[in-house]
C-alpha atoms as a PDB file:
ATOM      1  CA  GLU A   1     210.208   4.433 114.180  1.00  0.00           C
ATOM      2  CA  GLN A   2     207.379   6.272 112.409  1.00  0.00           C
ATOM      3  CA  TYR A   3     209.448   9.236 111.254  1.00  0.00           C
ATOM      4  CA  GLU A   4     212.996  10.214 110.306  1.00  0.00           C
ATOM      5  CA  ALA A   5     214.904  13.500 110.400  1.00  0.00           C
ATOM      6  CA  ASN A   6     216.991  15.008 107.571  1.00  0.00           C
ATOM      7  CA  VAL A   7     215.846  12.538 104.938  1.00  0.00           C
ATOM      8  CA  ALA A   8     217.047  12.535 101.327  1.00  0.00           C
ATOM      9  CA  THR A   9     213.754  11.655  99.652  1.00  0.00           C
ATOM     10  CA  LYS A  10     214.941  12.043  96.052  1.00  0.00           C
ATOM     11  CA  ALA A  11     217.385   9.536  94.615  1.00  0.00           C
ATOM     12  CA  GLY A  12     220.658  11.190  93.632  1.00  0.00           C
ATOM     13  CA  SER A  13     219.803  14.442  95.399  1.00  0.00           C
ATOM     14  CA  ALA A  14     221.705  15.934  98.325  1.00  0.00           C
ATOM     15  CA  GLU A  15     218.628  17.886  99.449  1.00  0.00           C
ATOM     16  CA  ARG A  16     217.248  16.699 102.782  1.00  0.00           C
ATOM     17  CA  VAL A  17     213.811  17.417 104.162  1.00  0.00           C
ATOM     18  CA  GLU A  18     213.670  18.273 107.863  1.00  0.00           C
ATOM     19  CA  PHE A  19     211.283  15.465 108.751  1.00  0.00           C
ATOM     20  CA  ALA A  20     209.567  12.651 106.890  1.00  0.00           C
ATOM     21  CA  LEU A  21     206.878  10.343 108.174  1.00  0.00           C
ATOM     22  CA  ARG A  22     207.368   6.663 107.409  1.00  0.00           C
ATOM     23  CA  LEU A  23     204.136   5.434 105.847  1.00  0.00           C
ATOM     24  CA  PRO A  24     203.510   1.780 104.948  1.00  0.00           C
ATOM     25  CA  GLY A  25     204.452   1.066 101.350  1.00  0.00           C
ATOM     26  CA  PRO A  26     202.331  -0.794  98.798  1.00  0.00           C
ATOM     27  CA  ASP A  27     204.016  -4.133  99.475  1.00  0.00           C
ATOM     28  CA  ASP A  28     203.265  -6.428 102.390  1.00  0.00           C
ATOM     29  CA  ASP A  29     206.942  -6.351 103.248  1.00  0.00           C
ATOM     30  CA  SER A  30     207.381  -4.399 106.492  1.00  0.00           C
ATOM     31  CA  LYS A  31     210.501  -2.757 105.018  1.00  0.00           C
ATOM     32  CA  SER A  32     208.481  -1.133 102.238  1.00  0.00           C
ATOM     33  CA  VAL A  33     208.238   2.574 103.148  1.00  0.00           C
ATOM     34  CA  VAL A  34     206.772   5.689 101.532  1.00  0.00           C
ATOM     35  CA  TYR A  35     207.925   9.013 102.982  1.00  0.00           C
ATOM     36  CA  LEU A  36     205.658  11.975 103.652  1.00  0.00           C
ATOM     37  CA  PRO A  37     207.927  15.080 103.611  1.00  0.00           C
ATOM     38  CA  ILE A  38     207.327  17.794 106.217  1.00  0.00           C
ATOM     39  CA  ASP A  39     209.375  20.992 106.020  1.00  0.00           C
ATOM     40  CA  ALA A  40     209.099  24.038 108.277  1.00  0.00           C
ATOM     41  CA  LYS A  41     209.174  27.510 106.750  1.00  0.00           C
ATOM     42  CA  PHE A  42     209.037  30.862 108.526  1.00  0.00           C
ATOM     43  CA  PRO A  43     209.262  33.935 106.273  1.00  0.00           C
ATOM     44  CA  SER A  44     209.820  36.046 109.356  1.00  0.00           C
ATOM     45  CA  GLU A  45     210.786  39.332 107.619  1.00  0.00           C
ATOM     46  CA  ASP A  46     207.673  39.439 105.437  1.00  0.00           C
ATOM     47  CA  TYR A  47     205.450  38.505 108.346  1.00  0.00           C
ATOM     48  CA  GLN A  48     207.047  41.079 110.641  1.00  0.00           C
ATOM     49  CA  ARG A  49     206.575  43.827 108.051  1.00  0.00           C
ATOM     50  CA  LEU A  50     202.928  42.850 107.774  1.00  0.00           C
ATOM     51  CA  ILE A  51     202.447  43.017 111.554  1.00  0.00           C
ATOM     52  CA  GLU A  52     204.126  46.428 111.745  1.00  0.00           C
ATOM     53  CA  ALA A  53     202.051  47.785 108.852  1.00  0.00           C
ATOM     54  CA  GLU A  54     198.833  46.604 110.517  1.00  0.00           C
ATOM     55  CA  GLU A  55     199.869  48.161 113.835  1.00  0.00           C
ATOM     56  CA  ALA A  56     200.623  51.420 112.019  1.00  0.00           C
ATOM     57  CA  ALA A  57     197.233  51.246 110.255  1.00  0.00           C
ATOM     58  CA  ASP A  58     198.942  51.813 106.918  1.00  0.00           C
ATOM     59  CA  PRO A  59     196.754  50.136 104.270  1.00  0.00           C
ATOM     60  CA  ASP A  60     199.289  50.510 101.468  1.00  0.00           C
ATOM     61  CA  ALA A  61     202.066  49.009 103.572  1.00  0.00           C
ATOM     62  CA  VAL A  62     199.698  46.219 104.653  1.00  0.00           C
ATOM     63  CA  ALA A  63     198.867  45.386 101.024  1.00  0.00           C
ATOM     64  CA  ALA A  64     202.544  45.415 100.009  1.00  0.00           C
ATOM     65  CA  ALA A  65     203.616  43.260 102.957  1.00  0.00           C
ATOM     66  CA  ALA A  66     200.752  40.805 102.380  1.00  0.00           C
ATOM     67  CA  LYS A  67     201.728  40.508  98.711  1.00  0.00           C
ATOM     68  CA  SER A  68     205.350  39.889  99.703  1.00  0.00           C
ATOM     69  CA  LEU A  69     204.295  37.260 102.229  1.00  0.00           C
ATOM     70  CA  GLU A  70     202.158  35.511  99.625  1.00  0.00           C
ATOM     71  CA  THR A  71     205.082  35.457  97.193  1.00  0.00           C
ATOM     72  CA  SER A  72     207.353  33.995  99.892  1.00  0.00           C
ATOM     73  CA  ILE A  73     204.864  31.241 100.742  1.00  0.00           C
ATOM     74  CA  LYS A  74     204.502  30.313  97.068  1.00  0.00           C
ATOM     75  CA  GLY A  75     208.288  30.176  96.806  1.00  0.00           C
ATOM     76  CA  CYS A  76     208.485  27.931  99.868  1.00  0.00           C
ATOM     77  CA  ALA A  77     205.816  25.595  98.457  1.00  0.00           C
ATOM     78  CA  ARG A  78     207.565  25.431  95.083  1.00  0.00           C
ATOM     79  CA  ASP A  79     210.881  24.730  96.812  1.00  0.00           C
ATOM     80  CA  ILE A  80     209.408  21.825  98.815  1.00  0.00           C
ATOM     81  CA  SER A  81     207.706  20.416  95.745  1.00  0.00           C
ATOM     82  CA  GLU A  82     210.845  20.456  93.610  1.00  0.00           C
ATOM     83  CA  LYS A  83     213.238  19.179  96.272  1.00  0.00           C
ATOM     84  CA  TYR A  84     211.327  16.574  98.233  1.00  0.00           C
ATOM     85  CA  ILE A  85     208.324  15.148  96.371  1.00  0.00           C
ATOM     86  CA  SER A  86     209.352  12.075  94.429  1.00  0.00           C
ATOM     87  CA  PRO A  87     206.725   9.306  94.061  1.00  0.00           C
ATOM     88  CA  PRO A  88     206.777   6.361  94.556  1.00  0.00           C
ATOM     89  CA  ALA A  89     209.543   6.912  97.127  1.00  0.00           C
ATOM     90  CA  THR A  90     207.372   9.642  98.659  1.00  0.00           C
ATOM     91  CA  THR A  91     203.726  10.533  98.771  1.00  0.00           C
ATOM     92  CA  ASP A  92     202.543  12.708  95.886  1.00  0.00           C
ATOM     93  CA  PHE A  93     202.229  15.643  98.271  1.00  0.00           C
ATOM     94  CA  ALA A  94     204.221  17.244 101.090  1.00  0.00           C
ATOM     95  CA  ILE A  95     203.476  19.461 104.083  1.00  0.00           C
ATOM     96  CA  LEU A  96     204.673  23.033 104.585  1.00  0.00           C
ATOM     97  CA  PHE A  97     204.676  23.652 108.328  1.00  0.00           C
ATOM     98  CA  LEU A  98     204.221  27.209 109.617  1.00  0.00           C
ATOM     99  CA  PRO A  99     205.415  27.250 113.249  1.00  0.00           C
ATOM    100  CA  THR A 100     203.094  29.935 114.657  1.00  0.00           C
ATOM    101  CA  GLU A 101     199.313  30.134 114.675  1.00  0.00           C
ATOM    102  CA  GLY A 102     199.439  33.829 113.749  1.00  0.00           C
ATOM    103  CA  LEU A 103     201.444  33.179 110.605  1.00  0.00           C
ATOM    104  CA  TYR A 104     199.248  30.229 109.679  1.00  0.00           C
ATOM    105  CA  ALA A 105     196.087  32.292 110.173  1.00  0.00           C
ATOM    106  CA  GLU A 106     197.514  35.082 108.005  1.00  0.00           C
ATOM    107  CA  VAL A 107     198.408  32.671 105.205  1.00  0.00           C
ATOM    108  CA  ILE A 108     195.014  30.980 105.058  1.00  0.00           C
ATOM    109  CA  ARG A 109     193.391  34.436 104.953  1.00  0.00           C
ATOM    110  CA  ARG A 110     195.061  35.074 101.602  1.00  0.00           C
ATOM    111  CA  THR A 111     192.380  34.254  99.035  1.00  0.00           C
ATOM    112  CA  GLY A 112     193.388  31.313  96.835  1.00  0.00           C
ATOM    113  CA  LEU A 113     196.893  30.954  98.322  1.00  0.00           C
ATOM    114  CA  VAL A 114     196.331  27.613 100.073  1.00  0.00           C
ATOM    115  CA  GLU A 115     194.479  26.269  97.021  1.00  0.00           C
ATOM    116  CA  TRP A 116     197.330  27.347  94.714  1.00  0.00           C
ATOM    117  CA  CYS A 117     199.916  25.537  96.865  1.00  0.00           C
ATOM    118  CA  GLN A 118     197.840  22.372  96.844  1.00  0.00           C
ATOM    119  CA  ARG A 119     196.931  22.486  93.163  1.00  0.00           C
ATOM    120  CA  ASP A 120     200.173  23.669  91.575  1.00  0.00           C
ATOM    121  CA  CYS A 121     202.770  22.373  94.025  1.00  0.00           C
ATOM    122  CA  ARG A 122     201.044  19.458  95.743  1.00  0.00           C
ATOM    123  CA  VAL A 123     201.893  21.058  99.084  1.00  0.00           C
ATOM    124  CA  ALA A 124     199.490  21.239 102.024  1.00  0.00           C
ATOM    125  CA  ILE A 125     199.935  24.028 104.556  1.00  0.00           C
ATOM    126  CA  ALA A 126     199.683  23.277 108.272  1.00  0.00           C
ATOM    127  CA  GLY A 127     200.028  25.262 111.482  1.00  0.00           C
ATOM    128  CA  PRO A 128     200.750  23.905 114.964  1.00  0.00           C
ATOM    129  CA  THR A 129     197.157  22.857 115.654  1.00  0.00           C
ATOM    130  CA  THR A 130     196.393  21.457 112.219  1.00  0.00           C
ATOM    131  CA  LEU A 131     199.693  19.551 112.113  1.00  0.00           C
ATOM    132  CA  ALA A 132     198.859  17.989 115.478  1.00  0.00           C
ATOM    133  CA  ALA A 133     195.454  16.961 114.132  1.00  0.00           C
ATOM    134  CA  LEU A 134     197.066  15.530 111.001  1.00  0.00           C
ATOM    135  CA  LEU A 135     199.611  13.552 113.008  1.00  0.00           C
ATOM    136  CA  ASN A 136     196.864  12.211 115.261  1.00  0.00           C
ATOM    137  CA  SER A 137     194.916  11.080 112.204  1.00  0.00           C
ATOM    138  CA  LEU A 138     197.972   9.363 110.784  1.00  0.00           C
ATOM    139  CA  GLN A 139     198.653   7.738 114.150  1.00  0.00           C
ATOM    140  CA  MET A 140     195.134   6.325 114.139  1.00  0.00           C
ATOM    141  CA  GLY A 141     195.789   5.119 110.611  1.00  0.00           C
ATOM    142  CA  PHE A 142     198.901   3.292 111.814  1.00  0.00           C
ATOM    143  CA  ARG A 143     196.927   1.669 114.614  1.00  0.00           C
ATOM    144  CA  THR A 144     194.101   0.680 112.280  1.00  0.00           C
ATOM    145  CA  LEU A 145     196.606  -0.843 109.873  1.00  0.00           C
ATOM    146  CA  ALA A 146     198.237  -2.751 112.724  1.00  0.00           C
ATOM    147  CA  ILE A 147     194.837  -3.999 113.886  1.00  0.00           C
ATOM    148  CA  GLN A 148     193.976  -5.081 110.348  1.00  0.00           C
ATOM    149  CA  LYS A 149     197.243  -6.981 110.049  1.00  0.00           C
ATOM    150  CA  ARG A 150     196.733  -8.615 113.436  1.00  0.00           C
ATOM    151  CA  SER A 151     193.120  -9.402 112.500  1.00  0.00           C
ATOM    152  CA  SER A 152     194.368 -11.163 109.381  1.00  0.00           C
ATOM    153  CA  GLU A 153     196.742 -13.206 111.504  1.00  0.00           C
ATOM    154  CA  VAL A 154     193.995 -14.056 113.991  1.00  0.00           C
ATOM    155  CA  TRP A 155     191.625 -14.957 111.139  1.00  0.00           C
ATOM    156  CA  GLY A 156     194.274 -17.267 109.687  1.00  0.00           C
ATOM    157  CA  LEU A 157     194.800 -18.840 113.090  1.00  0.00           C
ATOM    158  CA  LEU A 158     191.072 -19.357 113.535  1.00  0.00           C
ATOM    159  CA  GLY A 159     190.960 -20.988 110.114  1.00  0.00           C
ATOM    160  CA  ALA A 160     193.734 -23.382 111.122  1.00  0.00           C
ATOM    161  CA  VAL A 161     191.994 -24.113 114.433  1.00  0.00           C
ATOM    162  CA  LYS A 162     188.734 -24.771 112.593  1.00  0.00           C
ATOM    163  CA  THR A 163     190.527 -27.245 110.328  1.00  0.00           C
ATOM    164  CA  GLU A 164     192.089 -28.987 113.312  1.00  0.00           C
ATOM    165  CA  PHE A 165     188.725 -29.119 115.086  1.00  0.00           C
ATOM    166  CA  GLY A 166     187.274 -30.710 111.962  1.00  0.00           C
ATOM    167  CA  LYS A 167     189.971 -33.381 112.069  1.00  0.00           C
ATOM    168  CA  PHE A 168     189.446 -33.773 115.808  1.00  0.00           C
ATOM    169  CA  GLY A 169     185.720 -34.222 115.200  1.00  0.00           C
ATOM    170  CA  ASP A 170     186.445 -36.977 112.694  1.00  0.00           C
ATOM    171  CA  VAL A 171     188.669 -38.717 115.216  1.00  0.00           C
ATOM    172  CA  LEU A 172     186.001 -38.366 117.910  1.00  0.00           C
ATOM    173  CA  GLY A 173     183.473 -39.866 115.497  1.00  0.00           C
ATOM    174  CA  LYS A 174     185.721 -42.881 114.934  1.00  0.00           C
ATOM    175  CA  VAL A 175     186.349 -43.217 118.661  1.00  0.00           C
ATOM    176  CA  LYS A 176     182.606 -43.046 119.340  1.00  0.00           C
ATOM    177  CA  LYS A 177     182.017 -45.760 116.738  1.00  0.00           C
ATOM    178  CA  LYS A 178     184.635 -47.977 118.373  1.00  0.00           C
ATOM    179  CA  LEU A 179     183.175 -47.286 121.811  1.00  0.00           C
ATOM    180  CA  ASP A 180     179.691 -48.155 120.553  1.00  0.00           C
ATOM    181  CA  GLU A 181     181.040 -51.413 119.124  1.00  0.00           C
ATOM    182  CA  ALA A 182     182.808 -52.141 122.400  1.00  0.00           C
ATOM    183  CA  SER A 183     179.655 -51.306 124.338  1.00  0.00           C
ATOM    184  CA  ARG A 184     177.597 -53.703 122.214  1.00  0.00           C
ATOM    185  CA  THR A 185     180.240 -56.410 122.694  1.00  0.00           C
ATOM    186  CA  VAL A 186     180.142 -55.878 126.461  1.00  0.00           C
ATOM    187  CA  GLU A 187     176.332 -56.024 126.427  1.00  0.00           C
ATOM    188  CA  GLN A 188     176.460 -59.261 124.447  1.00  0.00           C
ATOM    189  CA  ALA A 189     178.978 -60.666 126.913  1.00  0.00           C
ATOM    190  CA  GLU A 190     176.758 -59.660 129.843  1.00  0.00           C
ATOM    191  CA  THR A 191     173.780 -61.310 128.165  1.00  0.00           C
ATOM    192  CA  ARG A 192     175.742 -64.535 127.652  1.00  0.00           C
ATOM    193  CA  THR A 193     176.948 -64.334 131.244  1.00  0.00           C
ATOM    194  CA  ARG A 194     173.372 -64.076 132.534  1.00  0.00           C
ATOM    195  CA  VAL A 195     172.302 -67.039 130.354  1.00  0.00           C
ATOM    196  CA  MET A 196     175.230 -69.079 131.625  1.00  0.00           C
ATOM    197  CA  ASN A 197     174.495 -68.113 135.240  1.00  0.00           C
ATOM    198  CA  ARG A 198     170.867 -69.154 134.902  1.00  0.00           C
ATOM    199  CA  ALA A 199     171.927 -72.475 133.352  1.00  0.00           C
ATOM    200  CA  LEU A 200     174.448 -73.042 136.126  1.00  0.00           C
ATOM    201  CA  ASP A 201     171.814 -72.173 138.745  1.00  0.00           C
ATOM    202  CA  ARG A 202     169.398 -74.726 137.295  1.00  0.00           C
ATOM    203  CA  LYS A 203     172.155 -77.344 137.154  1.00  0.00           C
ATOM    204  CA  SER A 204     173.147 -76.602 140.718  1.00  0.00           C
ATOM    205  CA  THR A 205     169.513 -76.861 141.876  1.00  0.00           C
ATOM    206  CA  ARG A 206     169.067 -80.317 140.281  1.00  0.00           C
ATOM    207  CA  LEU A 207     172.323 -81.556 141.764  1.00  0.00           C
ATOM    208  CA  ASN A 208     171.297 -80.421 145.220  1.00  0.00           C
ATOM    209  CA  SER A 209     167.871 -82.103 144.880  1.00  0.00           C
ATOM    210  CA  SER A 210     169.478 -85.374 143.798  1.00  0.00           C
ATOM    211  CA  HIS A 211     171.946 -85.233 146.672  1.00  0.00           C
ATOM    212  CA  ARG A 212     169.174 -84.760 149.253  1.00  0.00           C
ATOM    213  CA  THR A 213     167.233 -87.696 147.786  1.00  0.00           C
END
């Protein structure tokens, strides 16, 4: 439920990004969603030419292939930016996923290429390892958000319980007052009973003395 496949992130557009993460929207409504577009690109021909040129130790061919690869990556970033980034329905950036570590390493070696994609196209570049790290970070964000929401619920519940305990305390105070009054009444009754018993004892004693006489 935290991602969708083949998502049309731009209203009125038929273009669909391969995957989009479902991020919590700005509203408290659970249906409020902001998409983070993730699209995989693999300029295989340019990358293969670069590998072959490096294996052949041909510096001119390496330079030409690297330049072609850089142009392809910029084109991919521009394509993702134009087709899939559409705030507030999406985040203000997207992710270009390169499916091999070798390709990713080659791209980040190009001086200024990653920075250009981020600055001019609002596109971050990720390889297999970095995408996994990003997804793990987002997963932790989801869990933290869930904990925060649950904490708010628990805090509200504790507030309600505190209120009820306050009312319960008031009731206990009234009950204690009534019990104290009842206790004093019982003590008074016991005192009167003892007085009456002593009076009856004295009366009984006199009657017995008179009867013996």
